[in-house]
Each structure stands twice: as C-alpha cells, then as structure tokens.
Amino acid sequence: MASLNLKTNINSLHGELTIPGDKSISHRSVMFGSIAHGITRVTNFLPGDDCLSTIACFRRLGVTIDEEDGKLVIYGKGFEGLTEPNEVLDVGNSGTTIRLLMGILAGQPFFSTLAGDESIAKRPMTRVTGPLTEMGAAIDGRKTGAYTPISIRGAKLDAFHYELPVASAQVKSALILAGLQAEGDTTIIEPADTRDHTERMIRQFGGEIHKDGHVITVTGGQRLTAADVHVPGDISSAAFFLVAGAILPNSKIALKNVGLNPTRTGIIEVLTNMGANLEINVNDENAFEPSGDLVIKTSNLKGTVIEGGLIPKLIDEIPIIALMATQAEGTTIIKNAEELKVKETNRIDTVVNELKKLGASIEATEDGMIIHGKAKLHGGTVSSHGDHRIGMMLAIAALLCDGEVILENPESIAVSYPNFFSHLNSLMS
C-alpha cells in the first residue's frame, strides 16, 4: 500500500484556483452525448478515474468518443444505436457509472454485465435493480442482484409509478434514464430534493421532464439531440479549499468557475450558518448549470446542527464539514445522514475513526456524528481506505497538525481530483 507524508503545520494559504470539472456533470455529459443523436462537445470535462470509467464503458457499447484540444467529442448514436459489449463493462470505483448505466441498459435489447473494484462489490445495488426489474428488465447478480457483478438482459420497459424509499440522485437518475425508454409516463417521487443534473441535462439535450414538488414525470420515446456542454467546477472538490481557507490562519483563497446548482450548495449554507467569511459572485444564473466565483477567508466559526433536507445537498461534503467542525467553537451535530454508510466506505465510521487518530473529539451516531470543537490536532498515520473524499479531507486536516502525518492509499484521490496536491501546494507558495 502506498503512503505519503503530508504537509503539516501550515501558517496560511493564499492564491487562486480553477476547480476541475464537476464529476456528476462530467459523467452525465458522456451518457447523454452517447444516447443523443449528433455530435456533442464537452469542455472542462473531469479526467478523473471515475469519469474515465464512464468513457470506457460507452466505448464498449459502440460509441466513438475522442479528445480534441482539451475537449471531449462524442458521436452520439441514440438509444437505438448502442451495441452489445463483447467484454464486461468495468465501472472501476464509480457508483454513478454503474447505477445510471443500469438505467440505460435496462431498455436495451441485448445482454451486458457490469462489475467494478472491491469497493463497488460491497455497495448495494438492489435499490436500482429492484425497480428496474419491476419495469421489465431481467437482472441478476450476487445475492439475487444485490451486489456486483450485475448481468442485465434488457427489455421493452413498462412505465411505472415509483416512490423512492431514500433520497438518492443516482437511483432517481437510473429510473429517469429507464423511463426515457419506456412505454408511457414514468413517475418518480423523491422524499427530498436531490441533485438535479440529470433533469437539467435532459432539457439541455432537447428533451422534456416535469417536476411538481417532489414528483418527477418523464415520457418515454423521446429523441434527444446533441448539445455542447460546458462543465462548471465541482463544488464538492471546491469544498476542501473552502474549508481550508476558513480554518487556516491568515488565509484567503479565490475559487473560479464553481458550480452553484441549488441542489448542491449545502456546503455554502453550512459555511454561512457557521459564520464563515465567504464572498459569492454568480456568473450566469440562467445557464443550464449556474456557476460563480467564491472567495473564502480565515473565519471565526461556530458549531451548528446539520439535518433533514439539507443532507442530500451536501452528502459528499460531510467528511470535510466534520473536519471544519473540529475547528469551530462549540458542538456540531450531523443527523439524518444514514446514506453515508453506503458510500465508497462507511463514511460515518471512517471519518470518526481517522479524525480521532489526529486528536479530534468526535463520536459516531446511528445517522451521523457529533463533533466537539475546538480541537488541537496532532500527527499520526491515517488512511483514505480507498475513499477519495476521506483522503482529501485528511490532507487538509494535516495542515493543522503538529507532528508528522502519513496518509496511506493517497492514490484514491485521483478518482475525482487528479491534481489535488499540486493545487494545494500552489496555495502554500
């Protein structure tokens, strides 16, 4: 297992960064470019391992995808142009790839098998395979389709009405992609708002989808048309530097072109609630995906309670929020975050255990964690456990630590932010 000595005891961070492209939107740009008709060009695509897995899968489904002058060029074939793969579709570490791809493959008249790495093999798939089976697809896998490898014999799908038991953008998106291929109108009810990149992209590619409160309706048989996609910076990646700028002394960091989709801005709400010194300048509110520039400065933070409908808007940012809470006055409580247990790791237990190694006062609960500030952090040996967001959180934590911090398995960070360490180092110079 590789390890890395992290930078510690840093006095300040200063500079400007252009955050890499949004991972969720990058995935979907490849998927929609492939199932649309015509040539789609994508700029600021995230070349992280997860998104490259999505490209590899669609190439195996017969789609030509080129890279020209930093742009992705996708020669869309429509749903009907996808072809049966000769090999297993390897999704790597990407839960987005496998779950959304299942929605597409469920309506295809051929056989395919999906598999991924050890982390994917542990992640539950029943929440997707169950409703897709109800729509008519023949799906099997370990423990009757609960775990990978998953095999799919696509079919002519029936539209249906489905109420999501948990708020999940991945499950919702898989069912929307299946619904686009079904006979009639598919209705999906989500218990709380989740990221809506799939809905926005359908409209960007000339399709129609309707939302009334938490009720989403999509009509099958729509023909999507190629579109140019500019991917804004990933707010989940920006979150690490937003927190770093807030908790490191004498710091000021400017972040350019960050996505500000309102279903993703929970981190900004938390920063504001905790008293962060944050400036937001919106670029274009009318864009398919709004974006803006953010400036964060050293802040006097106070504890808060994070719960309810806010959780889906920041589910990926909870590890770095937990670190931020260790440097706030008072206690921070995170509730209703059971979904963290089925991410790349059980992020509740992993965050708590790793931060404790560095001296944090933090405890796990059934649905979240309780963090007591202000903690003085010290050195230690920590691990990403193969989870990119845990790895980046620990790299930011190390900046505050007295003593040596060694990070095991740092290569996992390349999943979503290949140039994370070079960006971090640039703020120290």
Protein backbone atom coordinates (compact mmCIF):
# COMPACT_ATOMS: atom_id res chain seq x y z
CA MET A 1 0.00 0.00 0.00
CA ALA A 2 1.40 3.39 -0.97
CA SER A 3 1.76 6.15 1.61
CA LEU A 4 2.52 9.86 1.56
CA ASN A 5 3.98 12.26 4.08
CA LEU A 6 1.52 15.16 4.17
CA LYS A 7 2.35 18.83 4.64
CA THR A 8 1.73 19.83 8.27
CA ASN A 9 1.69 22.90 10.50
CA ILE A 10 0.95 25.37 7.69
CA ASN A 11 0.58 29.01 8.75
CA SER A 12 -1.57 30.31 5.87
CA LEU A 13 -2.96 29.62 2.40
CA HIS A 14 -3.18 32.22 -0.35
CA GLY A 15 -3.97 32.15 -4.05
CA GLU A 16 -6.48 31.45 -6.78
CA LEU A 17 -7.62 28.10 -8.17
CA THR A 18 -9.75 27.00 -11.09
CA ILE A 19 -11.55 23.96 -9.74
CA PRO A 20 -11.68 20.86 -12.01
CA GLY A 21 -14.93 19.99 -13.76
CA ASP A 22 -17.89 18.67 -11.82
CA LYS A 23 -17.78 14.89 -11.54
CA SER A 24 -21.55 14.36 -11.65
CA ILE A 25 -21.99 16.57 -14.72
CA SER A 26 -18.96 15.05 -16.46
CA HIS A 27 -20.44 11.55 -16.08
CA ARG A 28 -23.78 12.68 -17.44
CA SER A 29 -22.27 14.60 -20.36
CA VAL A 30 -20.79 11.33 -21.66
CA MET A 31 -24.01 9.41 -21.09
CA PHE A 32 -26.31 11.96 -22.70
CA GLY A 33 -23.88 12.65 -25.52
CA SER A 34 -23.91 8.91 -26.27
CA ILE A 35 -27.70 8.42 -26.20
CA ALA A 36 -28.39 11.63 -28.15
CA HIS A 37 -28.25 11.98 -31.94
CA GLY A 38 -25.38 14.03 -33.35
CA ILE A 39 -22.02 15.30 -32.12
CA THR A 40 -21.70 16.55 -28.56
CA ARG A 41 -18.70 18.61 -27.49
CA VAL A 42 -17.80 18.82 -23.81
CA THR A 43 -15.42 21.37 -22.31
CA ASN A 44 -13.81 21.28 -18.85
CA PHE A 45 -14.52 17.55 -18.57
CA LEU A 46 -13.08 16.00 -15.40
CA PRO A 47 -10.39 13.45 -16.39
CA GLY A 48 -10.66 11.67 -13.04
CA ASP A 49 -10.62 7.88 -12.81
CA ASP A 50 -14.39 7.63 -12.23
CA CYS A 51 -15.30 9.67 -15.30
CA LEU A 52 -12.76 7.82 -17.44
CA SER A 53 -14.54 4.60 -16.44
CA THR A 54 -17.76 6.03 -17.89
CA ILE A 55 -15.99 6.82 -21.18
CA ALA A 56 -14.54 3.31 -21.33
CA CYS A 57 -17.97 1.72 -20.77
CA PHE A 58 -19.64 3.70 -23.56
CA ARG A 59 -16.83 2.94 -25.96
CA ARG A 60 -17.51 -0.74 -25.28
CA LEU A 61 -21.16 -0.03 -26.12
CA GLY A 62 -20.08 1.12 -29.58
CA VAL A 63 -19.87 4.90 -29.07
CA THR A 64 -16.95 6.82 -30.56
CA ILE A 65 -15.53 9.32 -28.07
CA ASP A 66 -12.49 11.44 -28.95
CA GLU A 67 -10.48 14.08 -27.17
CA GLU A 68 -9.54 17.12 -29.26
CA ASP A 69 -7.76 20.21 -27.92
CA GLY A 70 -8.90 19.54 -24.38
CA LYS A 71 -12.49 18.92 -25.46
CA LEU A 72 -14.42 15.68 -25.43
CA VAL A 73 -16.14 14.91 -28.73
CA ILE A 74 -18.92 12.31 -28.53
CA TYR A 75 -20.52 10.87 -31.67
CA GLY A 76 -23.97 10.10 -30.33
CA LYS A 77 -25.87 7.07 -31.61
CA GLY A 78 -29.20 7.42 -29.81
CA PHE A 79 -30.55 4.74 -27.51
CA GLU A 80 -31.16 2.50 -30.51
CA GLY A 81 -27.53 2.76 -31.70
CA LEU A 82 -25.89 1.20 -28.65
CA THR A 83 -24.49 -2.29 -29.29
CA GLU A 84 -23.92 -5.35 -27.15
CA PRO A 85 -20.49 -5.23 -25.47
CA ASN A 86 -18.04 -8.07 -26.04
CA GLU A 87 -16.50 -7.59 -22.61
CA VAL A 88 -17.61 -6.89 -19.05
CA LEU A 89 -18.34 -3.19 -18.50
CA ASP A 90 -15.80 -2.21 -15.84
CA VAL A 91 -17.03 0.78 -13.79
CA GLY A 92 -13.94 0.91 -11.59
CA ASN A 93 -14.79 2.74 -8.35
CA SER A 94 -17.73 4.66 -9.77
CA GLY A 95 -21.16 4.26 -8.19
CA THR A 96 -22.56 6.89 -10.56
CA THR A 97 -21.38 4.95 -13.61
CA ILE A 98 -22.86 1.63 -12.60
CA ARG A 99 -26.20 2.87 -11.27
CA LEU A 100 -27.00 5.26 -14.13
CA LEU A 101 -25.71 2.83 -16.73
CA MET A 102 -28.09 0.17 -15.39
CA GLY A 103 -30.96 2.52 -16.19
CA ILE A 104 -29.78 2.84 -19.78
CA LEU A 105 -29.03 -0.86 -20.26
CA ALA A 106 -32.38 -1.95 -18.81
CA GLY A 107 -34.11 -0.82 -22.01
CA GLN A 108 -31.56 -2.22 -24.46
CA PRO A 109 -32.30 -5.37 -26.50
CA PHE A 110 -29.05 -7.12 -25.56
CA PHE A 111 -27.10 -8.71 -22.72
CA SER A 112 -24.43 -6.95 -20.66
CA THR A 113 -22.51 -7.46 -17.44
CA LEU A 114 -21.25 -4.74 -15.10
CA ALA A 115 -18.55 -5.04 -12.46
CA GLY A 116 -16.11 -2.81 -10.62
CA ASP A 117 -13.48 -2.74 -7.90
CA GLU A 118 -13.64 -4.11 -4.35
CA SER A 119 -15.48 -1.02 -3.10
CA ILE A 120 -18.19 -1.32 -5.76
CA ALA A 121 -18.58 -5.02 -4.91
CA LYS A 122 -19.68 -4.00 -1.39
CA ARG A 123 -22.15 -1.31 -2.41
CA PRO A 124 -25.89 -2.18 -2.52
CA MET A 125 -27.50 -2.31 -5.95
CA THR A 126 -30.98 -3.56 -5.01
CA ARG A 127 -32.30 -0.01 -4.78
CA VAL A 128 -31.73 0.19 -8.56
CA THR A 129 -32.10 -3.40 -9.72
CA GLY A 130 -35.42 -3.82 -7.86
CA PRO A 131 -37.40 -1.06 -9.60
CA LEU A 132 -35.74 -1.76 -12.98
CA THR A 133 -36.92 -5.36 -12.69
CA GLU A 134 -40.43 -4.06 -12.00
CA MET A 135 -40.21 -2.15 -15.29
CA GLY A 136 -39.46 -5.37 -17.15
CA ALA A 137 -35.67 -5.78 -17.31
CA ALA A 138 -34.14 -9.18 -16.46
CA ILE A 139 -31.39 -8.50 -13.93
CA ASP A 140 -29.28 -10.85 -11.83
CA GLY A 141 -26.14 -10.72 -9.73
CA ARG A 142 -24.70 -11.86 -6.44
CA LYS A 143 -27.41 -12.33 -3.82
CA THR A 144 -30.16 -12.09 -6.47
CA GLY A 145 -28.97 -8.81 -7.92
CA ALA A 146 -27.94 -7.09 -4.69
CA TYR A 147 -24.22 -6.92 -5.50
CA THR A 148 -21.89 -6.91 -8.50
CA PRO A 149 -21.21 -8.41 -10.90
CA ILE A 150 -24.63 -7.49 -12.29
CA SER A 151 -25.99 -9.01 -15.50
CA ILE A 152 -28.75 -7.30 -17.47
CA ARG A 153 -30.90 -8.64 -20.27
CA GLY A 154 -32.64 -5.50 -21.46
CA ALA A 155 -36.28 -5.48 -22.46
CA LYS A 156 -39.17 -3.36 -23.69
CA LEU A 157 -39.83 -1.43 -20.50
CA ASP A 158 -43.17 -0.52 -18.96
CA ALA A 159 -43.60 2.94 -17.47
CA PHE A 160 -44.41 2.86 -13.77
CA HIS A 161 -45.03 4.92 -10.63
CA TYR A 162 -42.30 4.64 -8.00
CA GLU A 163 -41.71 6.24 -4.63
CA LEU A 164 -38.05 6.32 -3.64
CA PRO A 165 -37.52 4.94 -0.13
CA VAL A 166 -34.42 7.13 0.33
CA ALA A 167 -33.32 10.36 -1.31
CA SER A 168 -30.76 9.31 -3.92
CA ALA A 169 -29.83 11.17 -7.09
CA GLN A 170 -28.22 8.03 -8.51
CA VAL A 171 -31.34 5.90 -8.11
CA LYS A 172 -33.59 8.69 -9.36
CA SER A 173 -31.38 9.21 -12.41
CA ALA A 174 -31.26 5.50 -13.24
CA LEU A 175 -35.06 5.36 -13.24
CA ILE A 176 -35.33 8.54 -15.34
CA LEU A 177 -32.95 7.06 -17.94
CA ALA A 178 -35.02 3.88 -17.99
CA GLY A 179 -38.21 5.94 -18.19
CA LEU A 180 -36.94 7.65 -21.33
CA GLN A 181 -37.08 4.22 -23.00
CA ALA A 182 -40.37 3.01 -21.51
CA GLU A 183 -43.90 2.99 -22.92
CA GLY A 184 -45.85 5.92 -21.43
CA ASP A 185 -45.16 8.23 -18.49
CA THR A 186 -42.89 7.18 -15.62
CA THR A 187 -43.49 8.96 -12.31
CA ILE A 188 -40.85 9.10 -9.58
CA ILE A 189 -41.46 10.59 -6.14
CA GLU A 190 -38.41 11.50 -4.06
CA PRO A 191 -38.64 12.12 -0.30
CA ALA A 192 -36.38 15.20 -0.53
CA ASP A 193 -34.75 17.20 -3.30
CA THR A 194 -31.54 15.62 -4.63
CA ARG A 195 -29.07 16.91 -7.19
CA ASP A 196 -30.93 17.57 -10.43
CA HIS A 197 -28.15 17.38 -13.04
CA THR A 198 -29.97 14.60 -14.93
CA GLU A 199 -33.17 16.64 -15.24
CA ARG A 200 -31.26 19.73 -16.40
CA MET A 201 -29.30 17.74 -18.95
CA ILE A 202 -32.44 16.18 -20.45
CA ARG A 203 -33.66 19.69 -21.18
CA GLN A 204 -30.25 20.75 -22.49
CA PHE A 205 -30.38 17.84 -24.96
CA GLY A 206 -33.83 18.84 -26.19
CA GLY A 207 -35.95 16.53 -24.06
CA GLU A 208 -38.80 17.19 -21.64
CA ILE A 209 -39.14 16.30 -17.99
CA HIS A 210 -41.59 17.71 -15.49
CA LYS A 211 -41.29 18.28 -11.76
CA ASP A 212 -44.09 19.28 -9.41
CA GLY A 213 -42.82 19.43 -5.84
CA HIS A 214 -41.12 16.09 -5.29
CA VAL A 215 -42.97 14.39 -8.17
CA ILE A 216 -40.96 13.87 -11.38
CA THR A 217 -42.60 12.73 -14.63
CA VAL A 218 -40.76 11.65 -17.78
CA THR A 219 -42.33 10.42 -21.03
CA GLY A 220 -40.77 7.53 -22.91
CA GLY A 221 -39.79 7.54 -26.56
CA GLN A 222 -38.17 10.97 -26.63
CA ARG A 223 -35.42 11.65 -29.17
CA LEU A 224 -32.50 13.57 -27.68
CA THR A 225 -30.33 15.86 -29.80
CA ALA A 226 -26.62 16.57 -29.32
CA ALA A 227 -25.66 19.70 -27.39
CA ASP A 228 -22.49 21.48 -26.32
CA VAL A 229 -21.79 21.12 -22.60
CA HIS A 230 -19.50 23.28 -20.51
CA VAL A 231 -18.85 21.60 -17.18
CA PRO A 232 -18.54 24.04 -14.25
CA GLY A 233 -16.08 23.39 -11.44
CA ASP A 234 -17.11 20.76 -8.91
CA ILE A 235 -18.41 22.30 -5.70
CA SER A 236 -17.67 19.03 -3.90
CA SER A 237 -14.00 19.47 -4.84
CA ALA A 238 -14.10 23.19 -4.05
CA ALA A 239 -15.39 22.32 -0.56
CA PHE A 240 -11.95 21.13 0.55
CA PHE A 241 -10.40 24.51 -0.21
CA LEU A 242 -13.37 26.43 1.15
CA VAL A 243 -12.86 24.68 4.47
CA ALA A 244 -9.07 25.02 4.31
CA GLY A 245 -9.36 28.77 3.77
CA ALA A 246 -11.82 29.10 6.65
CA ILE A 247 -9.85 27.12 9.26
CA LEU A 248 -6.21 28.01 8.44
CA PRO A 249 -4.96 31.29 9.94
CA ASN A 250 -4.21 34.35 7.78
CA SER A 251 -5.72 32.74 4.66
CA LYS A 252 -7.54 33.96 1.56
CA ILE A 253 -8.42 31.66 -1.36
CA ALA A 254 -10.29 32.55 -4.56
CA LEU A 255 -12.03 29.71 -6.43
CA LYS A 256 -13.08 30.31 -10.04
CA ASN A 257 -15.98 28.84 -12.04
CA VAL A 258 -17.53 26.76 -9.26
CA GLY A 259 -20.89 25.11 -9.94
CA LEU A 260 -23.70 26.69 -7.91
CA ASN A 261 -26.58 24.35 -8.70
CA PRO A 262 -29.00 24.98 -5.81
CA THR A 263 -29.34 21.23 -5.17
CA ARG A 264 -25.59 21.12 -4.46
CA THR A 265 -24.93 24.23 -2.38
CA GLY A 266 -25.46 22.76 1.08
CA ILE A 267 -21.78 23.37 1.88
CA ILE A 268 -22.32 27.09 1.29
CA GLU A 269 -25.36 27.08 3.60
CA VAL A 270 -23.32 25.37 6.32
CA LEU A 271 -20.39 27.77 5.92
CA THR A 272 -22.80 30.69 6.18
CA ASN A 273 -24.56 29.21 9.22
CA MET A 274 -21.20 28.67 10.94
CA GLY A 275 -20.17 32.28 10.33
CA ALA A 276 -17.64 31.85 7.52
CA ASN A 277 -16.13 34.88 5.81
CA LEU A 278 -17.34 33.91 2.32
CA GLU A 279 -17.98 36.02 -0.80
CA ILE A 280 -20.05 34.69 -3.73
CA ASN A 281 -20.17 36.22 -7.22
CA VAL A 282 -22.63 34.45 -9.56
CA ASN A 283 -21.61 34.33 -13.25
CA ASP A 284 -24.82 33.38 -15.07
CA GLU A 285 -27.98 32.49 -13.18
CA ASN A 286 -29.73 31.48 -16.42
CA ALA A 287 -27.18 28.88 -17.53
CA PHE A 288 -28.24 25.22 -17.59
CA GLU A 289 -25.81 24.84 -14.69
CA PRO A 290 -25.19 28.10 -12.78
CA SER A 291 -21.67 28.88 -11.62
CA GLY A 292 -19.73 31.60 -9.89
CA ASP A 293 -16.52 32.67 -8.19
CA LEU A 294 -16.01 32.20 -4.46
CA VAL A 295 -13.60 33.90 -2.06
CA ILE A 296 -13.03 32.40 1.38
CA LYS A 297 -11.04 33.99 4.20
CA THR A 298 -10.00 32.85 7.66
CA SER A 299 -13.15 32.70 9.78
CA ASN A 300 -14.31 32.51 13.37
CA LEU A 301 -16.62 29.51 13.12
CA LYS A 302 -19.31 28.32 15.49
CA GLY A 303 -20.97 24.91 15.81
CA THR A 304 -24.27 24.13 14.10
CA VAL A 305 -26.84 21.40 13.51
CA ILE A 306 -26.97 19.81 10.03
CA GLU A 307 -30.04 17.67 9.33
CA GLY A 308 -33.14 16.98 7.25
CA GLY A 309 -33.48 18.31 3.72
CA LEU A 310 -30.02 19.87 3.87
CA ILE A 311 -28.30 16.47 3.94
CA PRO A 312 -28.85 15.48 0.25
CA LYS A 313 -27.42 18.89 -0.77
CA LEU A 314 -24.09 18.17 0.93
CA ILE A 315 -23.85 14.39 1.34
CA ASP A 316 -20.42 14.24 -0.34
CA GLU A 317 -19.10 17.18 1.68
CA ILE A 318 -19.79 15.74 5.14
CA PRO A 319 -16.22 14.42 5.65
CA ILE A 320 -14.70 17.87 5.15
CA ILE A 321 -17.54 19.53 7.11
CA ALA A 322 -16.69 17.22 10.02
CA LEU A 323 -13.10 18.47 9.93
CA MET A 324 -14.32 22.08 9.82
CA ALA A 325 -16.47 21.40 12.89
CA THR A 326 -13.39 20.31 14.86
CA GLN A 327 -12.12 23.91 14.50
CA ALA A 328 -15.40 25.65 15.38
CA GLU A 329 -16.45 26.93 18.80
CA GLY A 330 -18.99 24.65 20.40
CA THR A 331 -20.59 21.42 19.18
CA THR A 332 -21.74 20.45 15.69
CA ILE A 333 -24.34 17.70 15.23
CA ILE A 334 -24.93 15.91 11.93
CA LYS A 335 -28.20 13.93 11.69
CA ASN A 336 -30.22 12.01 9.06
CA ALA A 337 -27.06 11.04 7.16
CA GLU A 338 -27.51 7.24 7.06
CA GLU A 339 -26.68 7.35 3.34
CA LEU A 340 -23.03 7.85 4.33
CA LYS A 341 -22.90 4.18 5.33
CA VAL A 342 -23.19 3.02 1.69
CA LYS A 343 -20.68 5.34 0.04
CA GLU A 344 -17.15 4.28 -1.01
CA THR A 345 -16.69 3.43 2.66
CA ASN A 346 -18.96 3.67 5.68
CA ARG A 347 -18.13 7.35 5.87
CA ILE A 348 -19.61 7.84 9.33
CA ASP A 349 -17.27 5.33 10.96
CA THR A 350 -14.31 6.14 8.70
CA VAL A 351 -14.44 9.90 9.29
CA VAL A 352 -14.78 9.45 13.04
CA ASN A 353 -12.00 6.88 13.34
CA GLU A 354 -9.49 8.72 11.16
CA LEU A 355 -10.05 12.15 12.75
CA LYS A 356 -9.75 10.61 16.21
CA LYS A 357 -6.26 9.43 15.25
CA LEU A 358 -5.32 13.10 14.82
CA GLY A 359 -6.81 14.22 18.13
CA ALA A 360 -10.34 15.25 17.19
CA SER A 361 -13.15 15.00 19.73
CA ILE A 362 -15.77 13.27 17.59
CA GLU A 363 -18.23 10.42 18.01
CA ALA A 364 -20.40 8.40 15.66
CA THR A 365 -24.16 8.10 15.95
CA GLU A 366 -26.60 5.84 14.10
CA ASP A 367 -27.33 8.51 11.49
CA GLY A 368 -24.37 10.89 11.70
CA MET A 369 -21.84 12.25 14.16
CA ILE A 370 -21.24 14.70 16.97
CA ILE A 371 -18.13 16.90 16.78
CA HIS A 372 -16.77 18.97 19.64
CA GLY A 373 -14.57 21.99 18.88
CA LYS A 374 -12.04 23.45 19.17
CA ALA A 375 -9.59 20.57 18.85
CA LYS A 376 -5.83 20.85 18.65
CA LEU A 377 -4.75 18.26 16.10
CA HIS A 378 -1.54 16.24 16.20
CA GLY A 379 0.36 13.87 13.93
CA GLY A 380 -0.40 10.25 13.17
CA THR A 381 -0.79 7.62 10.47
CA VAL A 382 -4.17 7.77 8.74
CA SER A 383 -5.77 6.07 5.74
CA SER A 384 -8.14 7.04 2.94
CA HIS A 385 -9.48 3.47 2.96
CA GLY A 386 -9.68 3.85 -0.82
CA ASP A 387 -12.15 6.74 -0.50
CA HIS A 388 -11.11 9.87 -2.39
CA ARG A 389 -13.06 12.28 -0.18
CA ILE A 390 -11.61 10.82 3.01
CA GLY A 391 -8.12 11.15 1.53
CA MET A 392 -8.57 14.82 0.63
CA MET A 393 -10.15 15.62 3.99
CA LEU A 394 -7.16 14.11 5.80
CA ALA A 395 -4.74 16.09 3.63
CA ILE A 396 -6.49 19.30 4.71
CA ALA A 397 -6.55 18.13 8.34
CA ALA A 398 -2.78 17.59 8.23
CA LEU A 399 -2.23 21.29 7.52
CA LEU A 400 -3.36 21.98 11.10
CA CYS A 401 -1.37 19.22 12.74
CA ASP A 402 1.72 19.42 14.93
CA GLY A 403 3.86 16.43 14.05
CA GLU A 404 4.18 14.10 11.09
CA VAL A 405 1.06 12.88 9.28
CA ILE A 406 1.32 9.88 6.96
CA LEU A 407 -1.57 9.15 4.59
CA GLU A 408 -1.98 5.57 3.39
CA ASN A 409 -3.55 4.93 -0.02
CA PRO A 410 -3.35 8.55 -1.29
CA GLU A 411 -3.81 7.41 -4.91
CA SER A 412 -7.57 7.12 -4.33
CA ILE A 413 -7.76 10.92 -4.60
CA ALA A 414 -7.29 10.65 -8.39
CA VAL A 415 -10.86 9.33 -8.61
CA SER A 416 -12.23 12.88 -8.52
CA TYR A 417 -9.32 15.33 -8.29
CA PRO A 418 -6.14 14.20 -10.10
CA ASN A 419 -4.30 17.49 -9.50
CA PHE A 420 -5.42 17.98 -5.89
CA PHE A 421 -1.94 18.01 -4.37
CA SER A 422 -0.48 20.36 -6.97
CA HIS A 423 -3.37 22.78 -6.32
CA LEU A 424 -2.85 22.50 -2.56
CA ASN A 425 0.89 23.09 -2.88
CA SER A 426 0.32 26.18 -5.04
CA LEU A 427 -1.56 27.83 -2.16
CA MET A 428 1.42 27.40 0.15
CA SER A 429 3.98 29.09 -2.11
